[in-house]
Protein backbone atom coordinates (compact mmCIF):
# COMPACT_ATOMS: atom_id res chain seq x y z
CA MET A 1 -42.28 18.65 -23.27
CA ASN A 2 -45.52 19.02 -21.62
CA THR A 3 -45.96 17.73 -18.06
CA VAL A 4 -48.51 15.06 -18.83
CA LEU A 5 -46.29 13.62 -21.59
CA ASP A 6 -43.14 13.95 -19.40
CA ASN A 7 -44.75 12.02 -16.60
CA GLY A 8 -46.03 9.33 -18.85
CA LEU A 9 -42.46 8.94 -20.32
CA ARG A 10 -40.99 8.73 -16.80
CA ASP A 11 -43.61 6.03 -15.75
CA ALA A 12 -42.73 4.07 -18.91
CA LEU A 13 -39.00 4.29 -18.34
CA LYS A 14 -39.62 3.09 -14.66
CA ALA A 15 -41.74 0.27 -15.70
CA LEU A 16 -39.08 -0.87 -18.33
CA ARG A 17 -36.40 -0.40 -15.66
CA LEU A 18 -34.47 2.09 -17.95
CA THR A 19 -33.28 4.13 -15.06
CA GLY A 20 -30.14 5.12 -16.71
CA MET A 21 -32.38 7.06 -19.18
CA LEU A 22 -34.52 8.26 -16.31
CA ASP A 23 -31.53 9.69 -14.40
CA THR A 24 -30.37 11.79 -17.25
CA LEU A 25 -33.80 12.58 -18.88
CA ASP A 26 -33.85 16.26 -17.87
CA GLU A 27 -30.32 16.78 -18.99
CA ARG A 28 -30.76 15.30 -22.40
CA LEU A 29 -34.13 17.15 -22.88
CA ALA A 30 -32.27 20.39 -22.03
CA GLN A 31 -29.46 19.57 -24.51
CA ALA A 32 -32.07 18.77 -27.11
CA ARG A 33 -33.64 22.33 -26.58
CA ASP A 34 -30.36 24.19 -26.39
CA ALA A 35 -28.50 22.37 -29.07
CA ARG A 36 -31.49 21.67 -31.19
CA LEU A 37 -30.67 17.92 -31.35
CA GLY A 38 -32.69 15.70 -33.63
CA HIS A 39 -34.87 13.01 -32.25
CA VAL A 40 -32.47 10.18 -33.26
CA GLU A 41 -29.47 12.00 -31.52
CA VAL A 42 -31.51 12.38 -28.27
CA LEU A 43 -32.53 8.69 -28.39
CA GLN A 44 -28.96 7.73 -28.94
CA LEU A 45 -27.69 9.67 -26.05
CA LEU A 46 -30.36 8.16 -23.77
CA LEU A 47 -29.57 4.72 -24.90
CA GLU A 48 -25.87 5.34 -24.16
CA ASP A 49 -26.80 6.53 -20.72
CA GLU A 50 -28.71 3.30 -20.02
CA LEU A 51 -25.91 1.04 -21.47
CA ALA A 52 -23.34 2.92 -19.18
CA ARG A 53 -25.55 2.41 -16.12
CA ARG A 54 -26.00 -1.30 -16.92
CA GLN A 55 -22.28 -1.80 -17.56
CA SER A 56 -21.44 0.03 -14.27
CA ALA A 57 -23.90 -1.98 -12.32
CA ALA A 58 -22.58 -5.33 -13.81
CA LEU A 59 -19.06 -4.37 -13.05
CA ALA A 60 -20.10 -3.68 -9.44
CA ARG A 61 -21.84 -6.97 -9.10
CA ARG A 62 -18.87 -9.03 -10.43
CA LEU A 63 -16.51 -7.13 -8.15
CA SER A 64 -18.75 -8.01 -5.16
CA ARG A 65 -18.91 -11.67 -6.18
CA ALA A 66 -15.19 -11.84 -6.59
CA ARG A 67 -14.66 -11.26 -2.80
CA PHE A 68 -11.30 -9.54 -3.26
CA GLU A 69 -9.47 -8.59 -0.02
CA THR A 70 -9.04 -5.21 -1.70
CA ALA A 71 -11.40 -3.91 -4.40
CA GLN A 72 -8.91 -1.17 -5.35
CA ALA A 73 -6.12 -3.79 -6.05
CA THR A 74 -5.52 -2.92 -9.68
CA LEU A 75 -2.41 -2.84 -11.98
CA GLU A 76 -2.87 0.84 -12.28
CA GLY A 77 -2.43 1.08 -8.44
CA PHE A 78 0.55 -1.04 -8.22
CA ASP A 79 3.95 0.62 -7.75
CA PHE A 80 6.26 -1.20 -10.32
CA THR A 81 8.99 1.23 -9.67
CA ALA A 82 9.48 0.26 -6.14
CA ASN A 83 10.91 -3.13 -6.94
CA PRO A 84 13.41 -3.52 -9.78
CA LYS A 85 13.32 -7.34 -9.61
CA LEU A 86 9.68 -7.43 -10.53
CA PRO A 87 9.03 -9.10 -14.01
CA THR A 88 7.25 -6.04 -15.13
CA ALA A 89 7.19 -6.79 -18.79
CA ALA A 90 5.70 -10.31 -18.22
CA ILE A 91 3.11 -8.97 -15.91
CA ARG A 92 1.96 -6.30 -18.20
CA ASP A 93 1.88 -8.95 -21.00
CA LEU A 94 -0.43 -11.16 -18.71
CA ALA A 95 -2.68 -7.97 -18.30
CA ALA A 96 -3.73 -8.34 -21.88
CA LEU A 97 -5.52 -11.57 -20.81
CA ARG A 98 -4.39 -13.69 -23.73
CA TRP A 99 -4.01 -16.49 -21.24
CA LEU A 100 -7.71 -16.22 -20.40
CA ALA A 101 -8.65 -16.97 -24.07
CA ASN A 102 -6.17 -19.86 -24.21
CA ALA A 103 -7.42 -21.31 -20.77
CA GLU A 104 -3.86 -21.00 -19.38
CA SER A 105 -3.45 -20.57 -15.63
CA ILE A 106 -0.87 -18.24 -13.78
CA ILE A 107 1.29 -19.10 -11.01
CA LEU A 108 2.84 -16.20 -8.98
CA TYR A 109 5.50 -17.40 -6.56
CA GLY A 110 8.10 -15.82 -4.35
CA PRO A 111 8.91 -14.56 -0.96
CA VAL A 112 6.26 -12.90 1.41
CA GLY A 113 5.32 -9.23 0.98
CA VAL A 114 6.37 -8.73 -2.58
CA GLY A 115 2.85 -8.07 -3.92
CA LYS A 116 1.75 -11.50 -5.32
CA THR A 117 -1.80 -11.20 -3.83
CA HIS A 118 -2.16 -7.79 -5.24
CA LEU A 119 -1.06 -8.80 -8.62
CA ALA A 120 -3.30 -11.80 -8.60
CA GLN A 121 -6.34 -9.64 -7.62
CA ALA A 122 -5.19 -6.95 -10.27
CA LEU A 123 -5.21 -9.64 -13.05
CA GLY A 124 -8.61 -10.79 -11.78
CA HIS A 125 -9.85 -7.17 -11.85
CA ASN A 126 -8.76 -6.93 -15.48
CA ALA A 127 -10.73 -10.14 -16.27
CA ILE A 128 -13.88 -8.59 -14.54
CA ARG A 129 -13.71 -5.55 -16.74
CA ARG A 130 -13.91 -7.96 -19.73
CA GLY A 131 -17.04 -9.38 -18.23
CA ILE A 132 -15.50 -12.49 -16.65
CA ASP A 133 -16.73 -13.72 -13.33
CA VAL A 134 -13.84 -14.10 -10.85
CA ARG A 135 -13.67 -15.71 -7.41
CA PHE A 136 -10.79 -15.07 -4.90
CA THR A 137 -10.09 -17.11 -1.79
CA LYS A 138 -7.38 -18.27 0.47
CA THR A 139 -6.58 -21.86 -0.29
CA SER A 140 -7.00 -22.81 3.31
CA ARG A 141 -10.63 -21.44 3.21
CA LEU A 142 -11.44 -23.34 0.05
CA LEU A 143 -10.23 -26.68 1.62
CA ALA A 144 -12.12 -25.95 4.82
CA ASP A 145 -15.29 -25.15 2.92
CA LEU A 146 -14.98 -28.42 0.84
CA ALA A 147 -14.30 -30.30 3.99
CA GLY A 148 -17.49 -29.03 5.40
CA GLY A 149 -19.20 -30.33 2.30
CA HIS A 150 -17.95 -33.94 3.08
CA ALA A 151 -19.46 -33.57 6.42
CA ASP A 152 -23.00 -32.34 5.42
CA ARG A 153 -23.17 -34.02 2.01
CA SER A 154 -23.12 -30.80 0.20
CA TRP A 155 -19.57 -31.32 -1.37
CA ASP A 156 -20.82 -31.54 -5.03
CA LYS A 157 -22.66 -28.17 -4.60
CA ARG A 158 -19.66 -26.51 -2.97
CA LEU A 159 -17.22 -27.86 -5.71
CA ARG A 160 -19.53 -26.39 -8.40
CA GLU A 161 -19.25 -22.89 -6.68
CA TYR A 162 -15.49 -23.03 -7.23
CA THR A 163 -15.72 -24.56 -10.70
CA ARG A 164 -18.33 -22.09 -12.00
CA PRO A 165 -16.30 -18.82 -12.08
CA GLY A 166 -14.34 -18.00 -15.33
CA VAL A 167 -11.19 -17.37 -13.12
CA LEU A 168 -10.50 -18.83 -9.66
CA ILE A 169 -7.78 -17.20 -7.62
CA LEU A 170 -6.21 -19.38 -4.92
CA ASP A 171 -4.13 -17.28 -2.61
CA ASP A 172 -1.37 -18.77 -0.36
CA PHE A 173 -1.28 -22.16 -2.19
CA ALA A 174 0.97 -24.91 -0.90
CA MET A 175 1.51 -23.17 2.45
CA ARG A 176 1.69 -26.59 4.31
CA ALA A 177 1.38 -30.26 3.54
CA PHE A 178 -2.08 -31.50 2.30
CA THR A 179 -3.99 -34.37 3.79
CA ASP A 180 -5.42 -37.18 1.60
CA THR A 181 -8.84 -35.70 1.47
CA GLN A 182 -7.48 -32.19 0.69
CA ALA A 183 -5.37 -33.54 -2.20
CA ASP A 184 -8.26 -35.44 -3.61
CA ASP A 185 -10.48 -32.23 -3.44
CA LEU A 186 -7.79 -30.23 -5.16
CA TYR A 187 -7.43 -32.79 -7.88
CA GLU A 188 -11.18 -32.77 -8.57
CA LEU A 189 -11.26 -29.15 -8.66
CA THR A 190 -8.38 -28.76 -10.95
CA SER A 191 -9.64 -31.57 -13.29
CA ASP A 192 -13.16 -29.99 -13.50
CA ARG A 193 -11.86 -26.57 -14.09
CA ALA A 194 -9.51 -27.83 -16.89
CA ALA A 195 -12.27 -29.70 -18.45
CA ALA A 196 -14.36 -26.63 -18.57
CA GLY A 197 -11.50 -24.51 -19.94
CA ARG A 198 -11.49 -22.22 -16.89
CA PRO A 199 -7.98 -21.04 -15.61
CA MET A 200 -6.72 -20.32 -12.23
CA ILE A 201 -4.41 -17.88 -10.59
CA LEU A 202 -2.31 -19.26 -7.82
CA THR A 203 0.02 -17.38 -5.40
CA SER A 204 2.66 -19.24 -3.41
CA ASN A 205 5.61 -18.76 -1.24
CA ARG A 206 7.10 -21.89 -2.69
CA LYS A 207 8.30 -22.58 -6.17
CA PRO A 208 6.00 -25.06 -8.10
CA THR A 209 8.60 -27.82 -8.11
CA ASP A 210 8.60 -27.65 -4.19
CA TRP A 211 4.73 -28.60 -4.19
CA TYR A 212 5.18 -32.28 -4.96
CA PRO A 213 6.28 -33.47 -1.55
CA LEU A 214 3.40 -31.72 0.06
CA PHE A 215 0.95 -34.29 -1.35
CA PRO A 216 0.64 -37.64 0.44
CA ASN A 217 -0.05 -39.61 -2.64
CA PRO A 218 2.71 -39.10 -5.37
CA VAL A 219 0.34 -40.44 -8.08
CA ILE A 220 -2.28 -37.74 -7.19
CA ALA A 221 0.52 -35.05 -6.96
CA GLU A 222 1.95 -36.05 -10.38
CA SER A 223 -1.44 -36.04 -12.12
CA LEU A 224 -2.64 -32.66 -10.56
CA LEU A 225 0.50 -30.78 -10.83
CA ASP A 226 1.58 -31.97 -14.22
CA ARG A 227 -1.89 -30.85 -15.52
CA LEU A 228 -1.56 -27.48 -13.65
CA ILE A 229 2.07 -26.47 -13.93
CA ASN A 230 2.48 -27.40 -17.55
CA THR A 231 -0.56 -25.28 -18.64
CA SER A 232 0.43 -22.21 -16.46
CA HIS A 233 2.64 -19.16 -16.91
CA ALA A 234 4.89 -19.39 -13.82
CA LEU A 235 6.39 -16.03 -12.71
CA LEU A 236 8.83 -15.47 -9.92
CA VAL A 237 7.90 -12.39 -8.06
CA ASP A 238 11.05 -11.43 -6.03
CA GLY A 239 12.58 -8.48 -4.36
CA PRO A 240 12.17 -6.63 -1.04
CA SER A 241 8.95 -6.76 0.93
CA TYR A 242 6.45 -3.88 0.55
CA ARG A 243 5.16 -4.30 4.04
CA PRO A 244 7.94 -2.60 6.12
CA ARG A 245 6.91 0.61 4.20
CA LYS A 246 3.31 0.26 5.37
CA ARG A 247 4.37 -0.17 9.10
CA PRO A 248 2.97 2.66 11.23
CA ARG A 249 5.62 5.09 12.28
CA PRO A 250 6.04 5.88 15.95
CA ALA A 251 5.03 9.36 17.00
CA ASP A 252 7.83 11.75 17.26
CA SER A 253 8.54 12.04 21.01
CA THR A 254 10.78 15.06 20.57
CA PRO A 255 9.08 18.15 22.00
CA ALA A 256 8.41 20.77 19.41
CA ALA A 257 10.47 23.93 19.69
CA PRO A 258 8.59 26.83 21.32
CA THR A 259 7.29 29.43 18.86
CA GLN A 260 8.46 33.05 19.17
């Protein structure tokens, strides 16, 4: 391709924001010359480059918006062999995301350190790969954020931020008793998400039946938890904690033997 035409094509691709094509233009033109590709084949390759770039950029944006504690928390990176008590088959079934299409939530409960948070984020990561917006937050932070909305009259706006994502992950749910305001906020959030058909993933150290006494108003508790628990896949994640294995090992204080 002559330089004038080449520069004109590059300017056009920049103006159209087709940088995926621009990044691989030289490579594709070289392929066209060496392999004698037809015009349609070259165009198809360039379009595939642009599509790949856009998909990669969209995935990166969704991962950033999710605010995961660990962006690398995936099912591929989870060691299922380390804990024989894990409900591995059920977790892999959830990875297929049928629950998402059916607007069914997930509750992962069990003792500390068994990987509930990692699994919740990993399921969220799978949803992101399907093009779904996900938001991860500690339950305490969500409640504090909504409490701030009551103070500055931005509560409706803040609630919409948690209602909007296709999947909302609430980590460390039911750690302690809720206040009346917190219970009301959770009721509104759960109701709005249910009405929109947007599921949640909850992790908790308590089994769901132990959540009821944490709500000051039994009517609110029954209405909220009945709607949530009866439309959720509840999985007990049990077994030994992973955390002792991550504990830093003390330096070996034994002096090394002298070399001969």
